[in-house]
Amino acid sequence: MRIRLLTIMSAILAALALASPADAQYGARHFGSDRATGETYNVEVSGLFWNPTPDIVLSSAGSGSLAGLAGTNIDFQTDLGIEKKKLNQLKLVLRPGTKHKFRFEYTPIQYTSQAILQTRLVFNGQAYNIGVPVNTEIDWKAYRFGYEYDFAYHDRGFVGVLLDLKYTDINASLSSTFVGTEFAHARAPIPAIGIVGRGYVVPNVSITGEFSGFRLPNSVDQRYGGKYYDFDLYGTVNFNDHIGAQLGYRSFDVYYKVKQDQGTMTLKGPYFGAVARF
């Protein structure tokens, strides 16, 4: 399914990038360049408001004297009452050359909740029984460091390759007066490769899509494995070369398995924001 999606997206992006809008209707750019509005920058900064639906399931086995006690697969929405909320995103692009971009992204993700347990949970070897009040906190910091090379570049669009290093740092804690506080911590740098493309439907309105990911198959002994898929599709309206507005859809899909601990974390939803270029 992922391969089919990537193939279809690649074909669409290539068609968009090579398409030429009717310049006679909107007028060509001056100053010796026919690049679309907003494509002459060296630095780009974006601030976004993302409203994803969370789907987070984690399990954490006991350690120390509780080693060997398997953890429950805890659904943080159904079991602990985590609710949808708006998140902030920061993006920075440095563009030393027309086809070369260095990218940075930071997404702080925090959820808190209070719930009375309707089912028995085991977390870090500790049992939280039915009827126990539990405070839950998730603190997830998602970083992205990347390089983009636009191998097919035209005045009205481009197609490029992405080389990313995604760094995930997640803390999840459960706290109860009857049991105490237990937490699970997972962090790792994750390499990824992907494709990106942009096409201008008119000289100041573009559609951009990108997909990057990495999958580590489960080891022979089933003790280690992981994946990270990142999909982003958005439109940009450029009011001039320096200011624009964006509306899009983003999804994170993360899975990890380390010995007896594992987790799946998916965030999907729309976003909007502003972009400034220099």
C-alpha atoms as a PDB file:
ATOM      1  CA  MET A   1       0.000   0.000   0.000  1.00  0.00           C
ATOM      2  CA  ARG A   2       2.838   2.399   0.882  1.00  0.00           C
ATOM      3  CA  ILE A   3       4.669   1.587  -2.381  1.00  0.00           C
ATOM      4  CA  ARG A   4       1.493   2.138  -4.414  1.00  0.00           C
ATOM      5  CA  LEU A   5       0.841   5.484  -2.678  1.00  0.00           C
ATOM      6  CA  LEU A   6       4.420   6.610  -3.280  1.00  0.00           C
ATOM      7  CA  THR A   7       4.249   5.652  -6.972  1.00  0.00           C
ATOM      8  CA  ILE A   8       0.986   7.518  -7.537  1.00  0.00           C
ATOM      9  CA  MET A   9       2.225  10.584  -5.668  1.00  0.00           C
ATOM     10  CA  SER A  10       5.480  10.602  -7.659  1.00  0.00           C
ATOM     11  CA  ALA A  11       3.575  10.641 -10.944  1.00  0.00           C
ATOM     12  CA  ILE A  12       1.282  13.457  -9.788  1.00  0.00           C
ATOM     13  CA  LEU A  13       4.168  15.564  -8.493  1.00  0.00           C
ATOM     14  CA  ALA A  14       6.152  15.109 -11.697  1.00  0.00           C
ATOM     15  CA  ALA A  15       3.155  16.207 -13.755  1.00  0.00           C
ATOM     16  CA  LEU A  16       2.610  19.256 -11.544  1.00  0.00           C
ATOM     17  CA  ALA A  17       6.253  20.256 -11.652  1.00  0.00           C
ATOM     18  CA  LEU A  18       6.437  20.098 -15.437  1.00  0.00           C
ATOM     19  CA  ALA A  19       3.126  21.840 -16.016  1.00  0.00           C
ATOM     20  CA  SER A  20       3.222  25.443 -17.303  1.00  0.00           C
ATOM     21  CA  PRO A  21       0.344  27.746 -16.286  1.00  0.00           C
ATOM     22  CA  ALA A  22      -1.027  30.378 -18.594  1.00  0.00           C
ATOM     23  CA  ASP A  23       1.398  33.261 -18.045  1.00  0.00           C
ATOM     24  CA  ALA A  24      -0.574  35.394 -20.454  1.00  0.00           C
ATOM     25  CA  GLN A  25      -3.449  35.435 -17.963  1.00  0.00           C
ATOM     26  CA  TYR A  26      -1.433  36.202 -14.804  1.00  0.00           C
ATOM     27  CA  GLY A  27       1.575  38.019 -16.162  1.00  0.00           C
ATOM     28  CA  ALA A  28       5.256  37.051 -16.201  1.00  0.00           C
ATOM     29  CA  ARG A  29       7.704  38.062 -13.485  1.00  0.00           C
ATOM     30  CA  HIS A  30      10.243  40.794 -14.095  1.00  0.00           C
ATOM     31  CA  PHE A  31      13.820  41.366 -12.960  1.00  0.00           C
ATOM     32  CA  GLY A  32      15.164  38.833 -15.445  1.00  0.00           C
ATOM     33  CA  SER A  33      13.431  35.860 -13.812  1.00  0.00           C
ATOM     34  CA  ASP A  34      10.272  33.967 -14.621  1.00  0.00           C
ATOM     35  CA  ARG A  35      10.204  32.062 -11.333  1.00  0.00           C
ATOM     36  CA  ALA A  36       6.888  31.785  -9.568  1.00  0.00           C
ATOM     37  CA  THR A  37       6.099  34.168  -6.717  1.00  0.00           C
ATOM     38  CA  GLY A  38       7.881  33.077  -3.551  1.00  0.00           C
ATOM     39  CA  GLU A  39      10.620  31.017  -5.244  1.00  0.00           C
ATOM     40  CA  THR A  40      13.509  33.505  -4.992  1.00  0.00           C
ATOM     41  CA  TYR A  41      14.293  33.114  -1.283  1.00  0.00           C
ATOM     42  CA  ASN A  42      17.389  32.035   0.656  1.00  0.00           C
ATOM     43  CA  VAL A  43      15.698  31.589   4.055  1.00  0.00           C
ATOM     44  CA  GLU A  44      12.148  30.400   4.716  1.00  0.00           C
ATOM     45  CA  VAL A  45      10.419  30.251   8.118  1.00  0.00           C
ATOM     46  CA  SER A  46       6.981  28.714   8.714  1.00  0.00           C
ATOM     47  CA  GLY A  47       4.779  28.730  11.805  1.00  0.00           C
ATOM     48  CA  LEU A  48       1.909  26.241  11.703  1.00  0.00           C
ATOM     49  CA  PHE A  49      -1.077  25.186  13.812  1.00  0.00           C
ATOM     50  CA  TRP A  50      -1.785  21.467  13.471  1.00  0.00           C
ATOM     51  CA  ASN A  51      -4.979  19.767  14.643  1.00  0.00           C
ATOM     52  CA  PRO A  52      -4.284  16.019  14.430  1.00  0.00           C
ATOM     53  CA  THR A  53      -6.256  13.085  15.760  1.00  0.00           C
ATOM     54  CA  PRO A  54      -3.997  11.029  18.065  1.00  0.00           C
ATOM     55  CA  ASP A  55      -3.851   7.243  18.008  1.00  0.00           C
ATOM     56  CA  ILE A  56      -1.283   6.172  20.612  1.00  0.00           C
ATOM     57  CA  VAL A  57      -0.827   2.648  21.966  1.00  0.00           C
ATOM     58  CA  LEU A  58       2.140   1.819  24.211  1.00  0.00           C
ATOM     59  CA  SER A  59       3.268  -1.085  26.355  1.00  0.00           C
ATOM     60  CA  SER A  60       6.121  -1.075  28.855  1.00  0.00           C
ATOM     61  CA  ALA A  61       7.389  -4.183  30.635  1.00  0.00           C
ATOM     62  CA  GLY A  62       8.726  -4.274  34.162  1.00  0.00           C
ATOM     63  CA  SER A  63      12.401  -3.744  34.976  1.00  0.00           C
ATOM     64  CA  GLY A  64      14.702  -4.493  37.895  1.00  0.00           C
ATOM     65  CA  SER A  65      12.930  -6.725  40.397  1.00  0.00           C
ATOM     66  CA  LEU A  66       9.854  -6.639  38.128  1.00  0.00           C
ATOM     67  CA  ALA A  67      11.751  -7.710  34.999  1.00  0.00           C
ATOM     68  CA  GLY A  68       9.880 -10.179  32.832  1.00  0.00           C
ATOM     69  CA  LEU A  69       6.417  -8.838  33.644  1.00  0.00           C
ATOM     70  CA  ALA A  70       4.838  -7.934  30.304  1.00  0.00           C
ATOM     71  CA  GLY A  71       2.989  -4.655  30.003  1.00  0.00           C
ATOM     72  CA  THR A  72      -0.560  -4.110  28.776  1.00  0.00           C
ATOM     73  CA  ASN A  73      -1.091  -2.610  25.331  1.00  0.00           C
ATOM     74  CA  ILE A  74      -2.500   0.674  26.622  1.00  0.00           C
ATOM     75  CA  ASP A  75      -4.683   2.734  24.296  1.00  0.00           C
ATOM     76  CA  PHE A  76      -4.104   6.253  25.561  1.00  0.00           C
ATOM     77  CA  GLN A  77      -7.358   7.536  24.046  1.00  0.00           C
ATOM     78  CA  THR A  78      -9.770   4.743  25.025  1.00  0.00           C
ATOM     79  CA  ASP A  79      -8.162   3.658  28.300  1.00  0.00           C
ATOM     80  CA  LEU A  80      -6.771   6.961  29.612  1.00  0.00           C
ATOM     81  CA  GLY A  81      -8.889   9.663  27.972  1.00  0.00           C
ATOM     82  CA  ILE A  82      -6.314  11.505  25.846  1.00  0.00           C
ATOM     83  CA  GLU A  83      -8.163  14.018  23.659  1.00  0.00           C
ATOM     84  CA  LYS A  84      -7.471  15.782  20.396  1.00  0.00           C
ATOM     85  CA  LYS A  85      -5.774  19.180  20.684  1.00  0.00           C
ATOM     86  CA  LYS A  86      -4.032  21.771  18.531  1.00  0.00           C
ATOM     87  CA  LEU A  87      -0.249  21.555  18.214  1.00  0.00           C
ATOM     88  CA  ASN A  88       2.386  24.010  17.014  1.00  0.00           C
ATOM     89  CA  GLN A  89       5.043  23.379  14.380  1.00  0.00           C
ATOM     90  CA  LEU A  90       8.140  25.333  13.386  1.00  0.00           C
ATOM     91  CA  LYS A  91       9.872  24.849  10.030  1.00  0.00           C
ATOM     92  CA  LEU A  92      13.097  26.423   8.779  1.00  0.00           C
ATOM     93  CA  VAL A  93      14.616  26.097   5.295  1.00  0.00           C
ATOM     94  CA  LEU A  94      18.060  27.371   4.275  1.00  0.00           C
ATOM     95  CA  ARG A  95      18.539  27.531   0.511  1.00  0.00           C
ATOM     96  CA  PRO A  96      22.159  28.224  -0.526  1.00  0.00           C
ATOM     97  CA  GLY A  97      21.453  27.249  -4.133  1.00  0.00           C
ATOM     98  CA  THR A  98      18.461  26.924  -6.421  1.00  0.00           C
ATOM     99  CA  LYS A  99      18.322  23.130  -6.139  1.00  0.00           C
ATOM    100  CA  HIS A 100      19.726  22.706  -2.626  1.00  0.00           C
ATOM    101  CA  LYS A 101      17.830  23.073   0.669  1.00  0.00           C
ATOM    102  CA  PHE A 102      18.736  22.343   4.274  1.00  0.00           C
ATOM    103  CA  ARG A 103      15.635  21.790   6.384  1.00  0.00           C
ATOM    104  CA  PHE A 104      14.823  21.811  10.097  1.00  0.00           C
ATOM    105  CA  GLU A 105      11.523  21.082  11.796  1.00  0.00           C
ATOM    106  CA  TYR A 106      10.382  20.970  15.407  1.00  0.00           C
ATOM    107  CA  THR A 107       7.030  19.690  16.657  1.00  0.00           C
ATOM    108  CA  PRO A 108       6.419  19.652  20.441  1.00  0.00           C
ATOM    109  CA  ILE A 109       3.592  17.235  21.253  1.00  0.00           C
ATOM    110  CA  GLN A 110       2.027  17.152  24.712  1.00  0.00           C
ATOM    111  CA  TYR A 111      -1.092  15.449  26.018  1.00  0.00           C
ATOM    112  CA  THR A 112      -2.455  15.250  29.561  1.00  0.00           C
ATOM    113  CA  SER A 113      -5.567  13.610  30.961  1.00  0.00           C
ATOM    114  CA  GLN A 114      -7.307  12.402  34.114  1.00  0.00           C
ATOM    115  CA  ALA A 115      -9.418   9.259  34.071  1.00  0.00           C
ATOM    116  CA  ILE A 116     -10.981   6.568  36.259  1.00  0.00           C
ATOM    117  CA  LEU A 117      -9.800   3.230  34.889  1.00  0.00           C
ATOM    118  CA  GLN A 118     -12.443   0.980  33.366  1.00  0.00           C
ATOM    119  CA  THR A 119      -9.987  -1.860  32.775  1.00  0.00           C
ATOM    120  CA  ARG A 120      -6.927  -3.217  34.573  1.00  0.00           C
ATOM    121  CA  LEU A 121      -3.598  -1.966  33.182  1.00  0.00           C
ATOM    122  CA  VAL A 122      -0.019  -3.093  33.764  1.00  0.00           C
ATOM    123  CA  PHE A 123       2.634  -0.442  33.088  1.00  0.00           C
ATOM    124  CA  ASN A 124       6.323  -0.842  33.977  1.00  0.00           C
ATOM    125  CA  GLY A 125       5.414  -3.941  35.952  1.00  0.00           C
ATOM    126  CA  GLN A 126       2.928  -2.069  38.158  1.00  0.00           C
ATOM    127  CA  ALA A 127      -0.781  -2.911  38.106  1.00  0.00           C
ATOM    128  CA  TYR A 128      -3.390  -0.136  37.920  1.00  0.00           C
ATOM    129  CA  ASN A 129      -6.732  -1.694  38.843  1.00  0.00           C
ATOM    130  CA  ILE A 130     -10.277  -0.880  37.755  1.00  0.00           C
ATOM    131  CA  GLY A 131     -11.685   2.187  39.503  1.00  0.00           C
ATOM    132  CA  VAL A 132      -8.288   3.748  40.223  1.00  0.00           C
ATOM    133  CA  PRO A 133      -7.927   7.449  39.238  1.00  0.00           C
ATOM    134  CA  VAL A 134      -4.913   7.956  36.972  1.00  0.00           C
ATOM    135  CA  ASN A 135      -3.187  11.096  35.698  1.00  0.00           C
ATOM    136  CA  THR A 136      -1.534  10.648  32.307  1.00  0.00           C
ATOM    137  CA  GLU A 137       1.082  12.757  30.581  1.00  0.00           C
ATOM    138  CA  ILE A 138       2.743  12.339  27.190  1.00  0.00           C
ATOM    139  CA  ASP A 139       5.651  14.577  26.214  1.00  0.00           C
ATOM    140  CA  TRP A 140       6.785  13.880  22.648  1.00  0.00           C
ATOM    141  CA  LYS A 141       9.389  16.016  20.907  1.00  0.00           C
ATOM    142  CA  ALA A 142       9.725  15.365  17.179  1.00  0.00           C
ATOM    143  CA  TYR A 143      12.737  16.857  15.374  1.00  0.00           C
ATOM    144  CA  ARG A 144      13.590  16.680  11.699  1.00  0.00           C
ATOM    145  CA  PHE A 145      16.938  17.511  10.090  1.00  0.00           C
ATOM    146  CA  GLY A 146      17.041  17.150   6.335  1.00  0.00           C
ATOM    147  CA  TYR A 147      18.631  17.853   2.994  1.00  0.00           C
ATOM    148  CA  GLU A 148      16.626  18.292  -0.199  1.00  0.00           C
ATOM    149  CA  TYR A 149      18.003  18.128  -3.722  1.00  0.00           C
ATOM    150  CA  ASP A 150      15.596  19.202  -6.466  1.00  0.00           C
ATOM    151  CA  PHE A 151      16.899  17.209  -9.422  1.00  0.00           C
ATOM    152  CA  ALA A 152      14.120  18.440 -11.732  1.00  0.00           C
ATOM    153  CA  TYR A 153      13.676  22.193 -11.302  1.00  0.00           C
ATOM    154  CA  HIS A 154      11.587  24.557 -13.423  1.00  0.00           C
ATOM    155  CA  ASP A 155      10.187  28.052 -12.938  1.00  0.00           C
ATOM    156  CA  ARG A 156       6.766  26.603 -12.136  1.00  0.00           C
ATOM    157  CA  GLY A 157       7.690  23.584 -10.048  1.00  0.00           C
ATOM    158  CA  PHE A 158      10.186  20.941  -9.053  1.00  0.00           C
ATOM    159  CA  VAL A 159      10.686  17.324  -8.010  1.00  0.00           C
ATOM    160  CA  GLY A 160      13.352  16.417  -5.477  1.00  0.00           C
ATOM    161  CA  VAL A 161      14.752  13.762  -3.196  1.00  0.00           C
ATOM    162  CA  LEU A 162      14.793  14.006   0.616  1.00  0.00           C
ATOM    163  CA  LEU A 163      17.452  12.714   2.993  1.00  0.00           C
ATOM    164  CA  ASP A 164      16.219  13.069   6.563  1.00  0.00           C
ATOM    165  CA  LEU A 165      17.266  12.361  10.107  1.00  0.00           C
ATOM    166  CA  LYS A 166      14.196  12.267  12.326  1.00  0.00           C
ATOM    167  CA  TYR A 167      14.809  12.381  16.055  1.00  0.00           C
ATOM    168  CA  THR A 168      12.006  11.219  18.321  1.00  0.00           C
ATOM    169  CA  ASP A 169      12.039  11.700  22.102  1.00  0.00           C
ATOM    170  CA  ILE A 170       8.920  10.523  23.920  1.00  0.00           C
ATOM    171  CA  ASN A 171       8.091  10.287  27.623  1.00  0.00           C
ATOM    172  CA  ALA A 172       4.865   8.706  28.847  1.00  0.00           C
ATOM    173  CA  SER A 173       3.904   8.641  32.525  1.00  0.00           C
ATOM    174  CA  LEU A 174       1.032   7.287  34.607  1.00  0.00           C
ATOM    175  CA  SER A 175       0.490   8.621  38.108  1.00  0.00           C
ATOM    176  CA  SER A 176      -1.883   7.401  40.811  1.00  0.00           C
ATOM    177  CA  THR A 177      -2.126   7.996  44.549  1.00  0.00           C
ATOM    178  CA  PHE A 178      -2.560   4.254  45.068  1.00  0.00           C
ATOM    179  CA  VAL A 179       0.304   3.044  42.852  1.00  0.00           C
ATOM    180  CA  GLY A 180       2.688   5.967  42.455  1.00  0.00           C
ATOM    181  CA  THR A 181       4.256   7.284  39.258  1.00  0.00           C
ATOM    182  CA  GLU A 182       5.652   5.111  36.488  1.00  0.00           C
ATOM    183  CA  PHE A 183       7.087   6.297  33.194  1.00  0.00           C
ATOM    184  CA  ALA A 184       8.408   4.964  29.891  1.00  0.00           C
ATOM    185  CA  HIS A 185      11.028   6.784  27.839  1.00  0.00           C
ATOM    186  CA  ALA A 186      12.019   6.103  24.230  1.00  0.00           C
ATOM    187  CA  ARG A 187      14.288   8.161  22.009  1.00  0.00           C
ATOM    188  CA  ALA A 188      16.198   7.453  18.827  1.00  0.00           C
ATOM    189  CA  PRO A 189      17.537   9.065  15.642  1.00  0.00           C
ATOM    190  CA  ILE A 190      15.791   7.575  12.614  1.00  0.00           C
ATOM    191  CA  PRO A 191      17.182   7.967   9.064  1.00  0.00           C
ATOM    192  CA  ALA A 192      14.672   8.379   6.253  1.00  0.00           C
ATOM    193  CA  ILE A 193      14.547   8.905   2.506  1.00  0.00           C
ATOM    194  CA  GLY A 194      11.717  10.397   0.501  1.00  0.00           C
ATOM    195  CA  ILE A 195      10.396  12.395  -2.411  1.00  0.00           C
ATOM    196  CA  VAL A 196       9.039  15.939  -2.651  1.00  0.00           C
ATOM    197  CA  GLY A 197       7.412  17.900  -5.436  1.00  0.00           C
ATOM    198  CA  ARG A 198       5.730  21.221  -6.051  1.00  0.00           C
ATOM    199  CA  GLY A 199       3.644  22.603  -8.882  1.00  0.00           C
ATOM    200  CA  TYR A 200       2.102  26.050  -9.430  1.00  0.00           C
ATOM    201  CA  VAL A 201      -1.495  26.102 -10.593  1.00  0.00           C
ATOM    202  CA  VAL A 202      -1.077  29.868 -11.066  1.00  0.00           C
ATOM    203  CA  PRO A 203       2.137  31.882 -10.512  1.00  0.00           C
ATOM    204  CA  ASN A 204       1.350  32.624  -6.848  1.00  0.00           C
ATOM    205  CA  VAL A 205      -0.531  29.465  -5.774  1.00  0.00           C
ATOM    206  CA  SER A 206       1.282  26.148  -5.372  1.00  0.00           C
ATOM    207  CA  ILE A 207       0.530  22.591  -4.327  1.00  0.00           C
ATOM    208  CA  THR A 208       3.319  20.678  -2.551  1.00  0.00           C
ATOM    209  CA  GLY A 209       3.462  17.040  -1.546  1.00  0.00           C
ATOM    210  CA  GLU A 210       6.122  14.964   0.157  1.00  0.00           C
ATOM    211  CA  PHE A 211       6.580  11.529   1.651  1.00  0.00           C
ATOM    212  CA  SER A 212       9.540  10.181   3.595  1.00  0.00           C
ATOM    213  CA  GLY A 213      10.034   7.102   5.671  1.00  0.00           C
ATOM    214  CA  PHE A 214      12.122   4.270   6.985  1.00  0.00           C
ATOM    215  CA  ARG A 215      11.297   0.765   8.109  1.00  0.00           C
ATOM    216  CA  LEU A 216      13.434  -1.542  10.234  1.00  0.00           C
ATOM    217  CA  PRO A 217      12.045  -5.086   9.935  1.00  0.00           C
ATOM    218  CA  ASN A 218      11.609  -6.995  13.161  1.00  0.00           C
ATOM    219  CA  SER A 219      14.765  -8.886  14.076  1.00  0.00           C
ATOM    220  CA  VAL A 220      14.909 -12.675  13.907  1.00  0.00           C
ATOM    221  CA  ASP A 221      14.314 -12.934  17.649  1.00  0.00           C
ATOM    222  CA  GLN A 222      11.433 -10.400  17.423  1.00  0.00           C
ATOM    223  CA  ARG A 223      13.122  -8.141  19.991  1.00  0.00           C
ATOM    224  CA  TYR A 224      13.743  -5.073  17.822  1.00  0.00           C
ATOM    225  CA  GLY A 225      11.919  -3.275  15.020  1.00  0.00           C
ATOM    226  CA  GLY A 226      10.567   0.091  13.967  1.00  0.00           C
ATOM    227  CA  LYS A 227       9.220   2.419  11.305  1.00  0.00           C
ATOM    228  CA  TYR A 228       8.643   6.126  10.706  1.00  0.00           C
ATOM    229  CA  TYR A 229       6.387   7.372   7.879  1.00  0.00           C
ATOM    230  CA  ASP A 230       5.781  11.079   7.293  1.00  0.00           C
ATOM    231  CA  PHE A 231       3.284  12.410   4.710  1.00  0.00           C
ATOM    232  CA  ASP A 232       2.587  16.085   4.012  1.00  0.00           C
ATOM    233  CA  LEU A 233       0.311  17.656   1.374  1.00  0.00           C
ATOM    234  CA  TYR A 234      -0.376  21.392   1.367  1.00  0.00           C
ATOM    235  CA  GLY A 235      -1.283  24.422  -0.695  1.00  0.00           C
ATOM    236  CA  THR A 236       0.400  27.818  -0.448  1.00  0.00           C
ATOM    237  CA  VAL A 237      -0.925  31.228  -1.462  1.00  0.00           C
ATOM    238  CA  ASN A 238       1.949  33.698  -1.875  1.00  0.00           C
ATOM    239  CA  PHE A 239       0.861  37.300  -1.435  1.00  0.00           C
ATOM    240  CA  ASN A 240       4.310  38.397  -2.602  1.00  0.00           C
ATOM    241  CA  ASP A 241       7.860  36.995  -2.634  1.00  0.00           C
ATOM    242  CA  HIS A 242       8.127  37.297   1.153  1.00  0.00           C
ATOM    243  CA  ILE A 243       4.779  36.403   2.752  1.00  0.00           C
ATOM    244  CA  GLY A 244       2.368  33.527   2.208  1.00  0.00           C
ATOM    245  CA  ALA A 245      -0.333  31.395   3.841  1.00  0.00           C
ATOM    246  CA  GLN A 246      -0.533  27.614   3.940  1.00  0.00           C
ATOM    247  CA  LEU A 247      -3.272  25.018   4.373  1.00  0.00           C
ATOM    248  CA  GLY A 248      -2.488  21.318   4.425  1.00  0.00           C
ATOM    249  CA  TYR A 249      -2.787  17.794   5.794  1.00  0.00           C
ATOM    250  CA  ARG A 250      -0.012  16.017   7.727  1.00  0.00           C
ATOM    251  CA  SER A 251       0.440  12.543   9.163  1.00  0.00           C
ATOM    252  CA  PHE A 252       3.075  10.924  11.410  1.00  0.00           C
ATOM    253  CA  ASP A 253       3.108   7.135  11.689  1.00  0.00           C
ATOM    254  CA  VAL A 254       5.679   5.788  14.168  1.00  0.00           C
ATOM    255  CA  TYR A 255       6.273   2.278  15.506  1.00  0.00           C
ATOM    256  CA  TYR A 256       9.037   0.922  17.724  1.00  0.00           C
ATOM    257  CA  LYS A 257       9.856  -2.353  19.455  1.00  0.00           C
ATOM    258  CA  VAL A 258      12.715  -2.691  21.937  1.00  0.00           C
ATOM    259  CA  LYS A 259      12.776  -6.026  23.733  1.00  0.00           C
ATOM    260  CA  GLN A 260       9.439  -6.190  25.620  1.00  0.00           C
ATOM    261  CA  ASP A 261       8.539  -2.527  25.098  1.00  0.00           C
ATOM    262  CA  GLN A 262       6.685  -1.348  22.018  1.00  0.00           C
ATOM    263  CA  GLY A 263       4.515   1.471  20.787  1.00  0.00           C
ATOM    264  CA  THR A 264       2.541   2.796  17.840  1.00  0.00           C
ATOM    265  CA  MET A 265       1.987   6.532  17.575  1.00  0.00           C
ATOM    266  CA  THR A 266      -0.070   8.020  14.761  1.00  0.00           C
ATOM    267  CA  LEU A 267      -1.070  11.651  14.326  1.00  0.00           C
ATOM    268  CA  LYS A 268      -3.163  12.719  11.330  1.00  0.00           C
ATOM    269  CA  GLY A 269      -4.986  15.945  10.612  1.00  0.00           C
ATOM    270  CA  PRO A 270      -5.215  19.352   8.921  1.00  0.00           C
ATOM    271  CA  TYR A 271      -3.061  22.392   9.605  1.00  0.00           C
ATOM    272  CA  PHE A 272      -2.763  26.038   8.619  1.00  0.00           C
ATOM    273  CA  GLY A 273      -0.189  28.749   9.108  1.00  0.00           C
ATOM    274  CA  ALA A 274       2.011  31.452   7.655  1.00  0.00           C
ATOM    275  CA  VAL A 275       5.343  31.468   5.850  1.00  0.00           C
ATOM    276  CA  ALA A 276       7.969  34.230   5.635  1.00  0.00           C
ATOM    277  CA  ARG A 277      10.874  34.309   3.165  1.00  0.00           C
ATOM    278  CA  PHE A 278      14.039  36.370   2.908  1.00  0.00           C
END
